[in-house]
C-alpha atoms as a PDB file:
ATOM      1  CA  MET A   1     216.554  96.662 119.805  1.00  0.00           C
ATOM      2  CA  VAL A   2     218.275  95.254 123.354  1.00  0.00           C
ATOM      3  CA  GLN A   3     221.452  95.363 122.662  1.00  0.00           C
ATOM      4  CA  ILE A   4     223.669  93.019 124.802  1.00  0.00           C
ATOM      5  CA  ALA A   5     227.581  92.811 125.567  1.00  0.00           C
ATOM      6  CA  GLU A   6     228.993  89.137 125.072  1.00  0.00           C
ATOM      7  CA  CYS A   7     232.306  89.043 126.582  1.00  0.00           C
ATOM      8  CA  ILE A   8     235.011  85.756 125.900  1.00  0.00           C
ATOM      9  CA  ILE A   9     237.273  85.739 128.664  1.00  0.00           C
ATOM     10  CA  PHE A  10     240.916  84.379 128.207  1.00  0.00           C
ATOM     11  CA  ARG A  11     244.597  83.606 129.059  1.00  0.00           C
ATOM     12  CA  GLY A  12     247.022  81.467 127.599  1.00  0.00           C
ATOM     13  CA  LYS A  13     249.212  82.620 124.445  1.00  0.00           C
ATOM     14  CA  ASN A  14     250.484  81.083 121.190  1.00  0.00           C
ATOM     15  CA  ASP A  15     249.174  77.704 120.745  1.00  0.00           C
ATOM     16  CA  PHE A  16     247.466  77.323 124.153  1.00  0.00           C
ATOM     17  CA  TYR A  17     244.694  79.201 125.446  1.00  0.00           C
ATOM     18  CA  GLU A  18     242.112  78.751 127.389  1.00  0.00           C
ATOM     19  CA  PHE A  19     238.378  80.261 128.070  1.00  0.00           C
ATOM     20  CA  LEU A  20     236.061  81.372 130.815  1.00  0.00           C
ATOM     21  CA  LEU A  21     232.776  79.466 130.730  1.00  0.00           C
ATOM     22  CA  LEU A  22     230.261  80.215 133.458  1.00  0.00           C
ATOM     23  CA  LYS A  23     227.820  77.550 134.317  1.00  0.00           C
ATOM     24  CA  ARG A  24     223.853  79.008 134.923  1.00  0.00           C
ATOM     25  CA  THR A  25     221.979  77.681 137.799  1.00  0.00           C
ATOM     26  CA  PRO A  26     219.163  75.379 136.736  1.00  0.00           C
ATOM     27  CA  LYS A  27     216.392  77.528 137.334  1.00  0.00           C
ATOM     28  CA  GLU A  28     218.634  79.605 134.647  1.00  0.00           C
ATOM     29  CA  GLY A  29     218.853  76.752 132.191  1.00  0.00           C
ATOM     30  CA  GLY A  30     222.211  74.979 133.751  1.00  0.00           C
ATOM     31  CA  PHE A  31     224.225  75.308 130.699  1.00  0.00           C
ATOM     32  CA  TRP A  32     227.693  76.718 129.918  1.00  0.00           C
ATOM     33  CA  GLN A  33     228.173  79.967 128.488  1.00  0.00           C
ATOM     34  CA  PHE A  34     230.126  83.187 128.053  1.00  0.00           C
ATOM     35  CA  THR A  35     229.789  86.387 130.565  1.00  0.00           C
ATOM     36  CA  GLY A  36     227.473  89.275 129.655  1.00  0.00           C
ATOM     37  CA  GLY A  37     224.459  91.175 129.701  1.00  0.00           C
ATOM     38  CA  LYS A  38     222.274  93.732 128.761  1.00  0.00           C
ATOM     39  CA  LEU A  39     223.504  97.323 127.631  1.00  0.00           C
ATOM     40  CA  GLU A  40     222.129  99.944 130.292  1.00  0.00           C
ATOM     41  CA  ASP A  41     221.424 103.642 130.524  1.00  0.00           C
ATOM     42  CA  LYS A  42     223.931 104.881 127.362  1.00  0.00           C
ATOM     43  CA  GLU A  43     226.293 102.619 128.235  1.00  0.00           C
ATOM     44  CA  THR A  44     228.651 101.784 124.754  1.00  0.00           C
ATOM     45  CA  THR A  45     229.087  98.086 123.863  1.00  0.00           C
ATOM     46  CA  LEU A  46     232.560  98.117 125.377  1.00  0.00           C
ATOM     47  CA  GLU A  47     231.803  99.736 128.473  1.00  0.00           C
ATOM     48  CA  ALA A  48     228.587  96.765 129.192  1.00  0.00           C
ATOM     49  CA  ALA A  49     231.333  94.536 128.754  1.00  0.00           C
ATOM     50  CA  TYR A  50     233.309  96.064 131.163  1.00  0.00           C
ATOM     51  CA  ARG A  51     230.349  96.335 133.912  1.00  0.00           C
ATOM     52  CA  GLU A  52     229.161  92.837 132.998  1.00  0.00           C
ATOM     53  CA  THR A  53     232.543  91.044 133.407  1.00  0.00           C
ATOM     54  CA  ASP A  54     232.858  92.858 136.890  1.00  0.00           C
ATOM     55  CA  GLU A  55     229.311  91.545 138.106  1.00  0.00           C
ATOM     56  CA  GLU A  56     229.810  88.435 136.775  1.00  0.00           C
ATOM     57  CA  THR A  57     233.205  86.833 137.320  1.00  0.00           C
ATOM     58  CA  GLY A  58     235.043  90.242 139.568  1.00  0.00           C
ATOM     59  CA  ILE A  59     237.589  91.058 136.943  1.00  0.00           C
ATOM     60  CA  LYS A  60     238.201  94.437 137.019  1.00  0.00           C
ATOM     61  CA  LYS A  61     238.659  96.663 133.782  1.00  0.00           C
ATOM     62  CA  ASN A  62     242.319  97.055 135.083  1.00  0.00           C
ATOM     63  CA  GLN A  63     242.904  93.295 135.027  1.00  0.00           C
ATOM     64  CA  ILE A  64     242.404  93.020 131.185  1.00  0.00           C
ATOM     65  CA  ILE A  65     245.347  93.077 129.709  1.00  0.00           C
ATOM     66  CA  LYS A  66     244.397  92.781 125.534  1.00  0.00           C
ATOM     67  CA  ILE A  67     240.895  93.809 124.268  1.00  0.00           C
ATOM     68  CA  ILE A  68     239.896  92.175 120.714  1.00  0.00           C
ATOM     69  CA  GLU A  69     236.618  94.458 119.425  1.00  0.00           C
ATOM     70  CA  ASN A  70     234.535  93.223 116.923  1.00  0.00           C
ATOM     71  CA  VAL A  71     234.889  89.856 117.326  1.00  0.00           C
ATOM     72  CA  TYR A  72     231.249  89.078 115.899  1.00  0.00           C
ATOM     73  CA  ASP A  73     227.558  89.729 116.135  1.00  0.00           C
ATOM     74  CA  PHE A  74     224.573  88.217 116.073  1.00  0.00           C
ATOM     75  CA  SER A  75     220.680  88.479 116.600  1.00  0.00           C
ATOM     76  CA  PHE A  76     217.892  86.557 117.825  1.00  0.00           C
ATOM     77  CA  ASP A  77     214.555  86.829 118.033  1.00  0.00           C
ATOM     78  CA  GLU A  78     213.288  83.966 120.225  1.00  0.00           C
ATOM     79  CA  HIS A  79     213.966  83.306 124.357  1.00  0.00           C
ATOM     80  CA  TYR A  80     216.402  81.244 125.345  1.00  0.00           C
ATOM     81  CA  LEU A  81     214.634  78.499 127.516  1.00  0.00           C
ATOM     82  CA  THR A  82     211.215  78.772 125.670  1.00  0.00           C
ATOM     83  CA  GLY A  83     211.502  79.614 122.360  1.00  0.00           C
ATOM     84  CA  ALA A  84     208.728  81.865 122.331  1.00  0.00           C
ATOM     85  CA  LYS A  85     208.884  85.370 120.340  1.00  0.00           C
ATOM     86  CA  ILE A  86     210.627  88.120 121.652  1.00  0.00           C
ATOM     87  CA  ASP A  87     211.935  91.510 121.055  1.00  0.00           C
ATOM     88  CA  PRO A  88     214.720  90.911 118.449  1.00  0.00           C
ATOM     89  CA  VAL A  89     218.374  91.047 120.308  1.00  0.00           C
ATOM     90  CA  GLN A  90     221.504  91.541 118.946  1.00  0.00           C
ATOM     91  CA  GLU A  91     224.923  90.688 120.533  1.00  0.00           C
ATOM     92  CA  PHE A  92     228.251  92.116 120.574  1.00  0.00           C
ATOM     93  CA  VAL A  93     231.083  90.285 121.300  1.00  0.00           C
ATOM     94  CA  PHE A  94     234.574  90.795 122.482  1.00  0.00           C
ATOM     95  CA  GLY A  95     237.820  88.855 123.728  1.00  0.00           C
ATOM     96  CA  LEU A  96     239.145  89.786 126.993  1.00  0.00           C
ATOM     97  CA  LYS A  97     242.513  89.015 127.461  1.00  0.00           C
ATOM     98  CA  VAL A  98     243.582  88.136 131.055  1.00  0.00           C
ATOM     99  CA  GLN A  99     246.692  87.100 133.449  1.00  0.00           C
ATOM    100  CA  LEU A 100     247.065  83.685 133.998  1.00  0.00           C
ATOM    101  CA  ASP A 101     246.547  84.085 138.135  1.00  0.00           C
ATOM    102  CA  THR A 102     243.356  86.347 137.749  1.00  0.00           C
ATOM    103  CA  LYS A 103     240.971  85.481 140.577  1.00  0.00           C
ATOM    104  CA  ILE A 104     237.499  84.610 139.854  1.00  0.00           C
ATOM    105  CA  ASP A 105     234.780  85.591 141.764  1.00  0.00           C
ATOM    106  CA  ILE A 106     231.200  84.446 140.954  1.00  0.00           C
ATOM    107  CA  GLU A 107     229.370  84.740 144.456  1.00  0.00           C
ATOM    108  CA  ARG A 108     229.486  88.645 144.285  1.00  0.00           C
ATOM    109  CA  ASN A 109     227.154  88.725 140.850  1.00  0.00           C
ATOM    110  CA  PRO A 110     223.740  90.306 142.285  1.00  0.00           C
ATOM    111  CA  CYS A 111     221.377  88.236 140.008  1.00  0.00           C
ATOM    112  CA  ASN A 112     223.077  85.008 141.380  1.00  0.00           C
ATOM    113  CA  GLU A 113     223.009  83.200 137.997  1.00  0.00           C
ATOM    114  CA  HIS A 114     225.624  81.076 138.086  1.00  0.00           C
ATOM    115  CA  GLU A 115     226.506  78.143 139.969  1.00  0.00           C
ATOM    116  CA  ASP A 116     230.009  77.071 138.924  1.00  0.00           C
ATOM    117  CA  TYR A 117     233.036  78.236 136.305  1.00  0.00           C
ATOM    118  CA  GLY A 118     236.099  77.008 134.654  1.00  0.00           C
ATOM    119  CA  TRP A 119     238.588  77.111 132.529  1.00  0.00           C
ATOM    120  CA  PHE A 120     238.725  75.163 129.208  1.00  0.00           C
ATOM    121  CA  SER A 121     240.401  74.422 125.928  1.00  0.00           C
ATOM    122  CA  TYR A 122     239.171  75.970 123.180  1.00  0.00           C
ATOM    123  CA  ASP A 123     237.509  72.180 121.819  1.00  0.00           C
ATOM    124  CA  LYS A 124     236.674  71.297 125.750  1.00  0.00           C
ATOM    125  CA  ALA A 125     234.754  74.918 125.401  1.00  0.00           C
ATOM    126  CA  LEU A 126     233.182  73.981 122.035  1.00  0.00           C
ATOM    127  CA  GLU A 127     232.029  70.682 123.200  1.00  0.00           C
ATOM    128  CA  LEU A 128     230.231  72.458 126.731  1.00  0.00           C
ATOM    129  CA  LEU A 129     228.647  75.332 124.612  1.00  0.00           C
ATOM    130  CA  LYS A 130     225.259  74.790 124.139  1.00  0.00           C
ATOM    131  CA  TRP A 131     223.879  78.325 121.797  1.00  0.00           C
ATOM    132  CA  ASP A 132     225.542  77.742 118.030  1.00  0.00           C
ATOM    133  CA  ASN A 133     226.250  81.580 118.026  1.00  0.00           C
ATOM    134  CA  ASN A 134     228.489  80.765 120.553  1.00  0.00           C
ATOM    135  CA  LYS A 135     230.266  78.837 119.672  1.00  0.00           C
ATOM    136  CA  GLU A 136     230.548  80.788 116.311  1.00  0.00           C
ATOM    137  CA  ALA A 137     231.885  83.593 118.468  1.00  0.00           C
ATOM    138  CA  LEU A 138     234.385  81.146 119.976  1.00  0.00           C
ATOM    139  CA  LYS A 139     235.435  80.106 116.382  1.00  0.00           C
ATOM    140  CA  LYS A 140     235.892  83.304 115.440  1.00  0.00           C
ATOM    141  CA  LEU A 141     237.826  84.907 118.112  1.00  0.00           C
ATOM    142  CA  PHE A 142     240.239  81.829 118.010  1.00  0.00           C
ATOM    143  CA  LEU A 143     240.708  82.198 114.345  1.00  0.00           C
ATOM    144  CA  ILE A 144     241.999  85.853 115.274  1.00  0.00           C
ATOM    145  CA  LEU A 145     244.041  84.417 118.049  1.00  0.00           C
ATOM    146  CA  GLU A 146     246.066  82.404 115.754  1.00  0.00           C
ATOM    147  CA  SER A 147     246.479  84.888 113.238  1.00  0.00           C
ATOM    148  CA  ASN A 148     248.486  87.308 115.590  1.00  0.00           C
END
């Protein structure tokens, strides 16, 4: 089974949080999503989360000020663009908190899969996300943040 680390990057505190979404290029579906990708070699899910966050946003491991593991996990077996059956994929969701002034750089991503990014409120992020599993992951993270 393919494993993916999905990272919900957020900033803020108390009743005001913003969530980072990246917009895929039209060729890659043109939708808003969180950072994430497949585990490589013998990576742990957390190691993959750090690597994917760095590759897709330029945020380094030492810039992450809080990690919330085991936010949510889910599986799917259909290609995200075509709907064709694929080998099962399991995603593990992390919450990664950064400082308010953290700089984002999507230009250095070797896969060139994103054309834009933005920081969005919880409600706006829920509205922009395409996939139900991503929405559910954000809801679960938000509940964790609100309970702390």
